[in-house]
Each structure stands twice: as C-alpha cells, then as structure tokens.
C-alpha cells in the first residue's frame, strides 16, 4: 500500500488566497460591520426569546468586566487593541500630507489674482487624485464650512490647516484610547499615569528630567487633569473631555524644541514648574515624614487664616491628620486658578461649613474676623466687618438674599475675589487698598524656608 504524501498546507493556502477574488480594505470593513450588526441582532433576539420583558424594556445595564484574568475580558481587550491599530493605518502620514499640499498648490482656481484659493470643481479634482483614506476630508459639507469669495473659492491654507488639526486630534485620540484598559471611553488614574509616563522620553522639553523624579512628575501632571476634568472625584476622566480640554494642549506644547523661560514657568507640565511645586512641598515638610500637618501647610502663605487651614483638613483626605502630596497638589491648583469653576467648587466646599449649600452672614463673620485679627497683628486697622459683608453680598448678587451659593460665585464673575477676601489676609488688604496702591510687602511677612 503506497504511502500518502503529506499535504503541503502552505501551498494549499497560497493557492486558495490567489484564486479568491481580491477585495479592497473598504469592502472588508463593510463586511465586518455587517457581521457585527448581525451578531448584535442575533444576541438581541436570543435575549427576547429567553425573557419576553426585553421586547418592551431594553437592556440598560451591562456589568463591567473588571477582572483582567477573565478570558472574555482579555479577548475584548485584544480585539479593541487590534481595532485601534487598524485605525492607525487610516491616519494620514507625512507623505500623504505633503502630497495633499502639493495638489492644493497645483490646482489653484482662476482668476489668477495671486490668491491661493480653489473652487468646488478643483476641490473634487484633488479628491479624485488622493488615496481613499483622504477622501472623507473632501465632502461637500466640509467645503461649505469655509468662507468663500465672490468666485466661490476657499483658502487652501485654512483648509490644509484644518486637515492637519483633525489628523493630530484623531492620532491623539487613538493613542489615548490604547491606555483605556477597560474600554469604556475613560481613563482611570492608573491609566493616565501610564500614558504620561510613556510621553516623557518623547517630548523635547522633558529630556532633562531626571529619572528619579519621574514618579513625582507623573503624579504632578496627572493631578491637573483630575482636578479640572473630574471635579466630582469619580476617579475617571472621559477621553472626549481630555481631547477638548486646553489642559491636553498645554501638555502637548512640550513637544516644541524652543521655549522661553517665561513660557516654561507658566506651563504646569514643564520640568521647572513641577520641580518648583515639589520643592515647595519638601520645604513645607519640616519634619520630613512625607506628609504635611496644619502648621506646615499654614506656611504656604502668610495671609492664610487658621480657620481656612482647619477647614481644608476637615474636607480633604488626610492620613492620621496630615495631607499627602496629591492633596497638596489639589490645594495648589485651587490657589493658583481661583477664577475657574473647579477651584470655586473646591473653596465653596470649604466655606460651606454647615453643608447647607449656601454661605450666609454667620459664615462670612466666621471667616472674616480672623482676617481682621491677622491684619491687626501687623498694625493694620480700620476694617469694619459689617461693611465688608455688605460689599461681598453686593459682589455676589445672590439669587436668594444673604445666601451665596456656588452658582452665585460662578455667575457673578468675582468669585475669586470673594474667596480671597475670606481666606487670605494679604489678598483682602491688597484688594481693599487697590486704589491707594498701599500693598503689603511680601518679603516682610513671608515665611523664610
């Protein structure tokens, strides 16, 4: 009996692929979408067969897959990662953008008046000469979004810049989404820490960052995102909120090679700024236990009153009566950005002593009397508590008389001044003397570290 020859599977598969009709990437994507919708529909019909209530009440809760060791979690994560990498191939690269720009320059529409503009016919001609992945930028609705001159032409520079911005935004979205380990469209603190940690070697302005400072840099950077984009402290930041936030743009500015010293000092994410904040924390920590007690935080600024510091420790997370570096960063961000709604929310929580949702006359008295006492210690007299209370109510314009809510502080446009008047003796004195220019000298009163 003759021996059977072993099957050459490589050759069999090669012949199968060669003989099968070739399809474009778009056709494959379309088929994938159709199969996906079919599987969703089949699953829905099965649910309705198992329980008739699904026919009237749709499923509105899906248990999150948080166990990373479950097979379905890993399969879902792998599928999502492959999907994102596939989407990366749809992003225009440098060559695509250069080709696009050359086609725009070569198809300037008449009349020849020295202006770099194209009409709709040229717009469609250019689209037909580009790869498929470029063509969604050349829809009629896109053309109509730009200002047109009397010849119906749009400016090619404005159009090209809009494409570059969209490409950068899409690329950033995919990069961030790769760190969304759960796949629900948001980043947890750990996810965002991983994302920023891997940006450090890439950004030009972070090349001088010492490796032993990496963990503290990451904590400092992440804190700003969570302070402004997660004011309710849910522990998560939605990716769409990150993309539309100026905070992400501020971080990405560090990709630039050239920066002035002043620009770096104003950027929270720069090496100079993060080290400055961390160094101040270390200087305040006089007992070197890695945490700050009330007496240590009090030295942040001479003008801060005892009652304000007490309330900070009552409302913020503490560890045996002391705050850690993350809580300190929230404090610094609130102090440096008093005009923002997130900072006003932070201070309102502290000022709302009785958790009534409003600051009344009694609370104003409670916070302002220590201000007066602190100034009198420095021989600054003549401040009438009743007059100041009236001025604060006039500034806040509360919807309910003598009861200032958080929304009142935000709407009045002077919430930062009101907060400063109630927590900081120096800030109040400088505001009161703004017309005379008789300000307190910080060198005379500031703490010496």
Protein backbone atom coordinates (compact mmCIF):
# COMPACT_ATOMS: atom_id res chain seq x y z
CA UNK A 1 0.00 0.00 0.00
CA UNK A 2 1.55 3.28 -1.15
CA UNK A 3 2.27 5.96 1.45
CA UNK A 4 0.17 9.11 1.31
CA UNK A 5 2.10 12.24 0.57
CA UNK A 6 1.92 14.85 3.38
CA UNK A 7 -0.25 17.80 2.49
CA UNK A 8 1.69 21.00 1.86
CA UNK A 9 -0.63 23.33 3.74
CA UNK A 10 1.40 26.42 2.86
CA UNK A 11 0.92 25.77 -0.84
CA UNK A 12 -2.76 24.91 -0.37
CA UNK A 13 -3.43 28.15 1.49
CA UNK A 14 -1.44 30.19 -1.02
CA UNK A 15 -3.47 28.78 -3.91
CA UNK A 16 -6.69 29.42 -2.03
CA UNK A 17 -5.79 33.05 -1.43
CA UNK A 18 -4.60 33.60 -5.01
CA UNK A 19 -7.74 32.10 -6.52
CA UNK A 20 -10.07 34.04 -4.21
CA UNK A 21 -11.30 37.38 -5.59
CA UNK A 22 -9.30 40.26 -4.10
CA UNK A 23 -11.25 42.82 -2.06
CA UNK A 24 -10.42 46.35 -1.04
CA UNK A 25 -9.91 47.35 2.58
CA UNK A 26 -13.20 49.23 2.45
CA UNK A 27 -15.07 46.10 1.29
CA UNK A 28 -13.54 44.09 4.13
CA UNK A 29 -14.54 46.80 6.64
CA UNK A 30 -18.09 46.86 5.28
CA UNK A 31 -18.39 43.09 5.61
CA UNK A 32 -17.01 43.27 9.17
CA UNK A 33 -19.59 45.91 10.10
CA UNK A 34 -22.42 43.83 8.60
CA UNK A 35 -21.34 40.72 10.51
CA UNK A 36 -21.00 42.73 13.73
CA UNK A 37 -24.53 44.15 13.37
CA UNK A 38 -25.83 40.65 12.57
CA UNK A 39 -24.26 39.20 15.74
CA UNK A 40 -25.72 42.07 17.81
CA UNK A 41 -29.17 41.45 16.31
CA UNK A 42 -28.90 37.66 16.92
CA UNK A 43 -27.93 38.27 20.56
CA UNK A 44 -30.87 40.65 20.99
CA UNK A 45 -33.33 38.13 19.55
CA UNK A 46 -31.96 35.41 21.85
CA UNK A 47 -32.46 37.68 24.90
CA UNK A 48 -36.07 38.37 23.83
CA UNK A 49 -36.71 34.64 23.46
CA UNK A 50 -35.27 33.95 26.92
CA UNK A 51 -37.26 36.74 28.59
CA UNK A 52 -40.27 38.48 27.00
CA UNK A 53 -39.69 41.64 29.07
CA UNK A 54 -36.77 42.55 26.77
CA UNK A 55 -39.32 43.21 23.98
CA UNK A 56 -40.72 46.18 25.91
CA UNK A 57 -37.82 47.22 28.19
CA UNK A 58 -34.37 47.40 26.56
CA UNK A 59 -31.30 46.28 28.46
CA UNK A 60 -29.91 49.32 30.25
CA UNK A 61 -27.22 47.80 32.46
CA UNK A 62 -24.13 45.87 31.45
CA UNK A 63 -21.91 44.57 34.21
CA UNK A 64 -18.39 45.91 33.80
CA UNK A 65 -15.66 43.36 33.13
CA UNK A 66 -13.10 44.37 35.73
CA UNK A 67 -11.38 41.02 36.23
CA UNK A 68 -8.37 41.17 33.95
CA UNK A 69 -7.85 37.42 34.27
CA UNK A 70 -11.22 36.55 32.70
CA UNK A 71 -10.93 35.22 29.18
CA UNK A 72 -13.72 37.40 27.78
CA UNK A 73 -12.02 40.50 29.22
CA UNK A 74 -8.73 39.62 27.55
CA UNK A 75 -10.40 38.78 24.23
CA UNK A 76 -12.27 42.08 24.30
CA UNK A 77 -9.08 43.98 25.15
CA UNK A 78 -7.10 42.28 22.38
CA UNK A 79 -9.85 42.92 19.81
CA UNK A 80 -10.01 46.56 20.82
CA UNK A 81 -6.24 46.97 20.61
CA UNK A 82 -6.20 45.46 17.12
CA UNK A 83 -9.07 47.71 16.09
CA UNK A 84 -7.18 50.81 17.27
CA UNK A 85 -4.01 49.72 15.49
CA UNK A 86 -6.08 49.19 12.35
CA UNK A 87 -7.48 52.70 12.73
CA UNK A 88 -3.91 54.00 13.00
CA UNK A 89 -3.32 52.87 9.42
CA UNK A 90 -6.10 55.24 8.31
CA UNK A 91 -4.27 58.30 9.65
CA UNK A 92 -2.59 60.49 7.06
CA UNK A 93 1.19 60.33 7.39
CA UNK A 94 3.77 62.95 6.46
CA UNK A 95 3.92 61.80 2.82
CA UNK A 96 0.14 61.94 2.46
CA UNK A 97 0.03 65.49 3.83
CA UNK A 98 2.88 66.60 1.57
CA UNK A 99 1.12 65.14 -1.46
CA UNK A 100 -2.13 66.82 -0.43
CA UNK A 101 -0.42 70.19 -0.08
CA UNK A 102 1.27 69.88 -3.50
CA UNK A 103 -2.06 69.02 -5.15
CA UNK A 104 -3.70 72.01 -3.50
CA UNK A 105 -0.90 74.28 -4.77
CA UNK A 106 -1.07 72.81 -8.29
CA UNK A 107 -4.84 73.22 -8.63
CA UNK A 108 -5.35 76.89 -7.78
CA UNK A 109 -8.61 78.06 -9.36
CA UNK A 110 -8.93 81.09 -11.66
CA UNK A 111 -8.85 84.04 -11.85
CA UNK A 112 -5.12 84.40 -11.38
CA UNK A 113 -5.22 87.15 -8.74
CA UNK A 114 -2.32 85.91 -6.61
CA UNK A 115 -4.59 84.29 -4.02
CA UNK A 116 -4.19 80.62 -3.15
CA UNK A 117 -7.81 79.52 -3.43
CA UNK A 118 -9.73 76.65 -5.02
CA UNK A 119 -13.33 76.30 -6.19
CA UNK A 120 -15.53 73.26 -5.77
CA UNK A 121 -14.54 71.72 -9.14
CA UNK A 122 -10.86 71.84 -8.18
CA UNK A 123 -11.83 70.53 -4.75
CA UNK A 124 -13.38 67.40 -6.33
CA UNK A 125 -10.50 67.00 -8.79
CA UNK A 126 -7.96 66.93 -5.95
CA UNK A 127 -10.10 64.40 -4.06
CA UNK A 128 -10.08 62.02 -7.03
CA UNK A 129 -6.27 62.11 -7.14
CA UNK A 130 -5.79 61.17 -3.48
CA UNK A 131 -5.89 57.77 -1.70
CA UNK A 132 -9.25 56.59 -0.35
CA UNK A 133 -8.30 57.40 3.25
CA UNK A 134 -8.01 61.10 2.31
CA UNK A 135 -11.36 61.48 0.60
CA UNK A 136 -13.58 61.91 3.66
CA UNK A 137 -11.94 65.33 4.08
CA UNK A 138 -13.37 66.37 0.71
CA UNK A 139 -17.11 66.24 1.28
CA UNK A 140 -19.48 69.00 0.16
CA UNK A 141 -20.34 69.81 3.77
CA UNK A 142 -16.64 70.32 4.53
CA UNK A 143 -16.25 72.72 1.60
CA UNK A 144 -19.24 74.77 2.76
CA UNK A 145 -17.75 75.23 6.25
CA UNK A 146 -15.11 77.62 4.87
CA UNK A 147 -15.56 81.23 3.85
CA UNK A 148 -15.91 81.63 0.07
CA UNK A 149 -15.04 84.65 -2.04
CA UNK A 150 -17.10 86.09 -4.90
CA UNK A 151 -15.79 83.31 -7.19
CA UNK A 152 -16.89 80.55 -4.81
CA UNK A 153 -13.32 79.71 -3.79
CA UNK A 154 -11.95 78.72 -0.36
CA UNK A 155 -8.50 79.44 1.06
CA UNK A 156 -6.22 76.39 0.71
CA UNK A 157 -4.09 77.31 3.75
CA UNK A 158 -7.11 77.39 6.07
CA UNK A 159 -8.38 74.12 4.56
CA UNK A 160 -5.00 72.39 4.89
CA UNK A 161 -4.55 73.55 8.49
CA UNK A 162 -7.99 72.18 9.40
CA UNK A 163 -6.99 68.78 7.99
CA UNK A 164 -3.72 68.80 9.95
CA UNK A 165 -5.62 69.62 13.15
CA UNK A 166 -8.11 66.80 12.54
CA UNK A 167 -5.31 64.34 11.81
CA UNK A 168 -3.47 65.31 15.00
CA UNK A 169 -6.69 65.06 17.02
CA UNK A 170 -7.54 61.64 15.57
CA UNK A 171 -3.99 60.40 16.20
CA UNK A 172 -4.07 61.64 19.80
CA UNK A 173 -7.45 60.03 20.37
CA UNK A 174 -6.18 56.65 19.22
CA UNK A 175 -3.01 56.98 21.32
CA UNK A 176 -5.01 57.80 24.46
CA UNK A 177 -7.59 55.09 23.75
CA UNK A 178 -4.84 52.46 23.83
CA UNK A 179 -4.49 53.19 27.55
CA UNK A 180 -8.22 52.74 28.21
CA UNK A 181 -7.76 49.24 29.60
CA UNK A 182 -11.46 48.73 30.39
CA UNK A 183 -12.66 50.08 27.03
CA UNK A 184 -15.48 52.30 28.32
CA UNK A 185 -14.17 55.58 26.89
CA UNK A 186 -12.45 56.90 30.01
CA UNK A 187 -9.08 56.73 31.77
CA UNK A 188 -8.60 55.87 35.41
CA UNK A 189 -5.79 57.48 37.39
CA UNK A 190 -3.51 54.49 36.78
CA UNK A 191 -4.24 54.57 33.03
CA UNK A 192 -3.42 58.27 32.76
CA UNK A 193 -0.23 57.79 34.78
CA UNK A 194 0.91 55.11 32.29
CA UNK A 195 0.08 57.41 29.36
CA UNK A 196 2.05 60.39 30.70
CA UNK A 197 4.95 58.20 31.84
CA UNK A 198 5.44 56.99 28.25
CA UNK A 199 5.30 60.56 26.91
CA UNK A 200 8.35 61.66 28.94
CA UNK A 201 11.02 60.24 26.55
CA UNK A 202 9.16 61.68 23.52
CA UNK A 203 8.68 65.34 24.48
CA UNK A 204 11.62 67.63 23.79
CA UNK A 205 11.10 69.80 26.89
CA UNK A 206 11.19 66.76 29.21
CA UNK A 207 14.54 65.38 28.08
CA UNK A 208 16.35 66.95 31.05
CA UNK A 209 14.01 65.33 33.57
CA UNK A 210 15.98 63.12 35.95
CA UNK A 211 14.78 59.52 36.13
CA UNK A 212 14.40 59.53 39.93
CA UNK A 213 11.90 62.40 39.56
CA UNK A 214 9.71 60.54 37.01
CA UNK A 215 7.14 59.24 39.57
CA UNK A 216 6.67 62.69 41.13
CA UNK A 217 6.44 64.32 37.71
CA UNK A 218 3.71 61.87 36.65
CA UNK A 219 1.72 62.46 39.86
CA UNK A 220 2.01 66.25 39.42
CA UNK A 221 0.89 66.10 35.78
CA UNK A 222 -2.00 63.67 36.37
CA UNK A 223 -3.34 65.77 39.24
CA UNK A 224 -4.11 68.73 37.00
CA UNK A 225 -6.18 66.57 34.67
CA UNK A 226 -8.20 65.10 37.53
CA UNK A 227 -8.63 68.42 39.35
CA UNK A 228 -10.20 70.13 36.33
CA UNK A 229 -11.81 67.24 34.43
CA UNK A 230 -13.06 65.17 37.37
CA UNK A 231 -14.42 67.75 39.85
CA UNK A 232 -16.89 65.20 41.28
CA UNK A 233 -13.98 62.88 42.14
CA UNK A 234 -15.32 59.83 40.30
CA UNK A 235 -11.79 58.59 39.63
CA UNK A 236 -12.21 58.68 35.86
CA UNK A 237 -11.75 61.16 33.00
CA UNK A 238 -13.59 60.71 29.72
CA UNK A 239 -11.31 60.75 26.68
CA UNK A 240 -13.62 63.13 24.80
CA UNK A 241 -13.25 65.63 27.67
CA UNK A 242 -9.47 65.32 27.52
CA UNK A 243 -9.37 65.95 23.77
CA UNK A 244 -11.43 69.14 24.02
CA UNK A 245 -9.61 70.43 27.10
CA UNK A 246 -6.88 73.11 26.95
CA UNK A 247 -5.00 71.05 29.55
CA UNK A 248 -4.03 68.41 26.99
CA UNK A 249 -2.95 71.18 24.59
CA UNK A 250 -0.80 72.65 27.39
CA UNK A 251 0.88 69.27 27.91
CA UNK A 252 1.49 68.79 24.18
CA UNK A 253 3.18 72.19 23.95
CA UNK A 254 6.21 70.49 25.50
CA UNK A 255 6.83 68.74 22.17
CA UNK A 256 8.26 72.02 20.86
CA UNK A 257 12.02 72.48 20.82
CA UNK A 258 12.02 76.21 21.56
CA UNK A 259 10.55 77.68 24.71
CA UNK A 260 11.29 80.87 26.60
CA UNK A 261 11.96 80.72 30.34
CA UNK A 262 8.75 82.69 30.94
CA UNK A 263 6.68 80.27 28.85
CA UNK A 264 8.09 77.29 30.72
CA UNK A 265 7.36 78.90 34.08
CA UNK A 266 3.71 79.37 33.06
CA UNK A 267 3.27 75.77 31.87
CA UNK A 268 2.20 73.46 34.72
CA UNK A 269 3.75 70.43 32.97
CA UNK A 270 7.23 71.88 32.40
CA UNK A 271 10.18 70.49 34.34
CA UNK A 272 10.68 73.88 36.02
CA UNK A 273 7.07 74.15 37.23
CA UNK A 274 6.75 70.59 38.52
CA UNK A 275 10.06 70.76 40.36
CA UNK A 276 9.10 74.14 41.86
CA UNK A 277 5.86 72.69 43.29
CA UNK A 278 7.60 69.58 44.59
CA UNK A 279 10.42 71.60 46.16
CA UNK A 280 7.88 73.76 47.97
CA UNK A 281 6.21 70.64 49.33
CA UNK A 282 9.56 69.37 50.61
CA UNK A 283 10.33 72.72 52.24
CA UNK A 284 6.96 72.83 53.96
CA UNK A 285 7.51 69.28 55.27
CA UNK A 286 9.79 70.38 58.09
CA UNK A 287 9.61 67.08 59.98
CA UNK A 288 10.45 65.14 56.77
CA UNK A 289 7.77 62.49 57.21
CA UNK A 290 6.43 62.88 53.66
CA UNK A 291 3.15 64.46 54.84
CA UNK A 292 2.03 67.97 55.84
CA UNK A 293 0.34 68.85 59.11
CA UNK A 294 -1.71 72.02 59.65
CA UNK A 295 1.17 74.08 61.00
CA UNK A 296 3.27 73.16 57.95
CA UNK A 297 0.61 73.97 55.35
CA UNK A 298 -0.04 77.26 57.18
CA UNK A 299 3.39 78.40 55.96
CA UNK A 300 2.29 78.15 52.32
CA UNK A 301 1.44 81.85 52.55
CA UNK A 302 1.44 84.32 55.45
CA UNK A 303 -2.08 85.58 54.74
CA UNK A 304 -3.89 82.25 55.10
CA UNK A 305 -6.05 82.11 58.25
CA UNK A 306 -6.16 79.30 60.79
CA UNK A 307 -9.86 78.65 60.23
CA UNK A 308 -9.29 78.20 56.49
CA UNK A 309 -6.46 75.71 57.05
CA UNK A 310 -8.59 73.85 59.61
CA UNK A 311 -11.42 73.54 57.08
CA UNK A 312 -9.01 72.27 54.39
CA UNK A 313 -8.02 69.41 56.69
CA UNK A 314 -11.68 68.73 57.55
CA UNK A 315 -12.84 68.48 53.93
CA UNK A 316 -9.81 66.90 52.22
CA UNK A 317 -8.49 63.38 52.60
CA UNK A 318 -5.95 63.07 55.41
CA UNK A 319 -3.72 60.35 56.79
CA UNK A 320 -3.78 60.48 60.59
CA UNK A 321 -4.46 64.19 60.43
CA UNK A 322 -1.92 65.03 57.69
CA UNK A 323 -2.23 65.51 53.93
CA UNK A 324 -0.15 63.83 51.22
CA UNK A 325 1.39 65.22 48.03
CA UNK A 326 -1.73 64.62 45.90
CA UNK A 327 -3.95 66.57 48.29
CA UNK A 328 -1.32 69.32 48.37
CA UNK A 329 -1.40 69.50 44.56
CA UNK A 330 -5.19 69.98 44.62
CA UNK A 331 -4.64 72.80 47.12
CA UNK A 332 -2.01 74.47 44.91
CA UNK A 333 -4.15 74.14 41.77
CA UNK A 334 -7.10 75.70 43.57
CA UNK A 335 -4.98 78.57 44.93
CA UNK A 336 -3.41 79.31 41.54
CA UNK A 337 -6.63 79.10 39.50
CA UNK A 338 -9.25 80.79 41.68
CA UNK A 339 -11.24 82.10 38.71
CA UNK A 340 -12.12 78.63 37.39
CA UNK A 341 -15.41 76.88 38.34
CA UNK A 342 -13.46 73.85 39.59
CA UNK A 343 -11.43 75.97 42.03
CA UNK A 344 -14.52 77.84 43.19
CA UNK A 345 -16.16 74.48 43.84
CA UNK A 346 -13.11 73.44 45.88
CA UNK A 347 -13.27 76.63 48.01
CA UNK A 348 -17.05 76.59 48.33
CA UNK A 349 -16.86 73.15 49.89
CA UNK A 350 -14.51 74.62 52.50
CA UNK A 351 -16.56 77.79 53.08
CA UNK A 352 -19.86 75.90 53.32
CA UNK A 353 -19.15 74.91 56.93
CA UNK A 354 -22.62 73.55 57.72
CA UNK A 355 -23.16 71.90 54.32
CA UNK A 356 -26.29 73.93 53.64
CA UNK A 357 -25.35 74.63 50.03
CA UNK A 358 -25.08 78.38 50.77
CA UNK A 359 -22.81 80.83 52.63
CA UNK A 360 -24.80 83.06 54.98
CA UNK A 361 -23.98 86.07 57.19
CA UNK A 362 -22.84 83.87 60.08
CA UNK A 363 -20.29 82.06 57.89
CA UNK A 364 -18.97 85.33 56.47
CA UNK A 365 -18.45 86.55 60.03
CA UNK A 366 -16.71 83.30 60.93
CA UNK A 367 -14.16 83.59 58.11
CA UNK A 368 -13.64 87.36 58.02
CA UNK A 369 -12.97 88.04 61.72
CA UNK A 370 -9.68 86.03 61.60
CA UNK A 371 -8.70 88.17 58.58
CA UNK A 372 -9.16 91.35 60.64
CA UNK A 373 -7.27 89.84 63.61
CA UNK A 374 -4.36 88.81 61.39
CA UNK A 375 -4.07 92.30 59.91
CA UNK A 376 -4.29 93.95 63.34
CA UNK A 377 -1.28 91.90 64.40
CA UNK A 378 0.63 93.83 61.73
CA UNK A 379 -0.82 97.21 62.84
CA UNK A 380 -3.36 97.35 60.01
CA UNK A 381 -6.59 98.73 61.48
CA UNK A 382 -9.88 100.27 60.41
CA UNK A 383 -11.73 97.35 58.86
CA UNK A 384 -15.46 97.10 59.55
CA UNK A 385 -16.84 93.57 59.34
CA UNK A 386 -20.38 94.75 58.52
CA UNK A 387 -19.18 96.92 55.64
CA UNK A 388 -17.18 94.07 54.15
CA UNK A 389 -20.14 91.67 54.44
CA UNK A 390 -22.35 94.13 52.57
CA UNK A 391 -19.70 94.52 49.88
CA UNK A 392 -19.39 90.76 49.46
CA UNK A 393 -23.17 90.34 49.06
CA UNK A 394 -23.19 93.18 46.53
CA UNK A 395 -20.41 91.49 44.56
CA UNK A 396 -22.00 88.03 44.67
CA UNK A 397 -25.53 89.20 43.75
CA UNK A 398 -27.09 86.04 45.30
CA UNK A 399 -30.40 84.85 43.86
CA UNK A 400 -31.59 84.37 47.47
CA UNK A 401 -30.78 87.37 49.72
CA UNK A 402 -27.93 86.78 52.18
CA UNK A 403 -27.27 83.24 50.96
CA UNK A 404 -24.43 82.83 48.44
CA UNK A 405 -24.47 79.55 46.51
CA UNK A 406 -21.74 78.03 44.37
CA UNK A 407 -23.62 79.05 41.25
CA UNK A 408 -23.78 82.64 42.55
CA UNK A 409 -19.99 82.65 42.96
CA UNK A 410 -19.52 81.37 39.41
CA UNK A 411 -22.13 83.64 37.78
CA UNK A 412 -21.08 86.91 39.45
CA UNK A 413 -17.65 86.85 37.81
CA UNK A 414 -15.97 87.95 41.05
CA UNK A 415 -15.96 84.65 42.91
CA UNK A 416 -12.15 84.58 43.03
CA UNK A 417 -12.06 87.98 44.79
CA UNK A 418 -14.74 86.95 47.30
CA UNK A 419 -12.88 83.74 48.12
CA UNK A 420 -9.57 85.59 48.52
CA UNK A 421 -11.18 88.14 50.85
CA UNK A 422 -12.37 85.34 53.15
CA UNK A 423 -9.28 83.11 53.30
CA UNK A 424 -6.24 85.34 52.77
CA UNK A 425 -5.47 88.46 54.85
CA UNK A 426 -2.89 89.77 52.38
CA UNK A 427 -5.23 89.29 49.40
CA UNK A 428 -8.00 91.14 51.25
CA UNK A 429 -5.69 94.02 52.25
CA UNK A 430 -4.35 94.41 48.70
CA UNK A 431 -7.89 94.44 47.31
CA UNK A 432 -9.03 96.98 49.92
CA UNK A 433 -6.05 99.26 49.17
CA UNK A 434 -6.19 98.78 45.37
CA UNK A 435 -6.93 102.45 44.72
CA UNK A 436 -4.20 103.81 47.00
CA UNK A 437 -1.63 101.22 45.88
CA UNK A 438 -0.61 100.63 49.50
CA UNK A 439 0.08 96.87 49.23
CA UNK A 440 1.58 94.57 51.86
CA UNK A 441 5.26 93.80 51.30
CA UNK A 442 5.53 90.02 50.93
CA UNK A 443 9.24 89.98 51.81
CA UNK A 444 8.41 91.46 55.21
CA UNK A 445 5.75 88.89 56.09
CA UNK A 446 6.53 85.74 54.08
CA UNK A 447 7.95 82.70 55.83
CA UNK A 448 11.65 82.02 55.40
CA UNK A 449 12.28 78.46 54.26
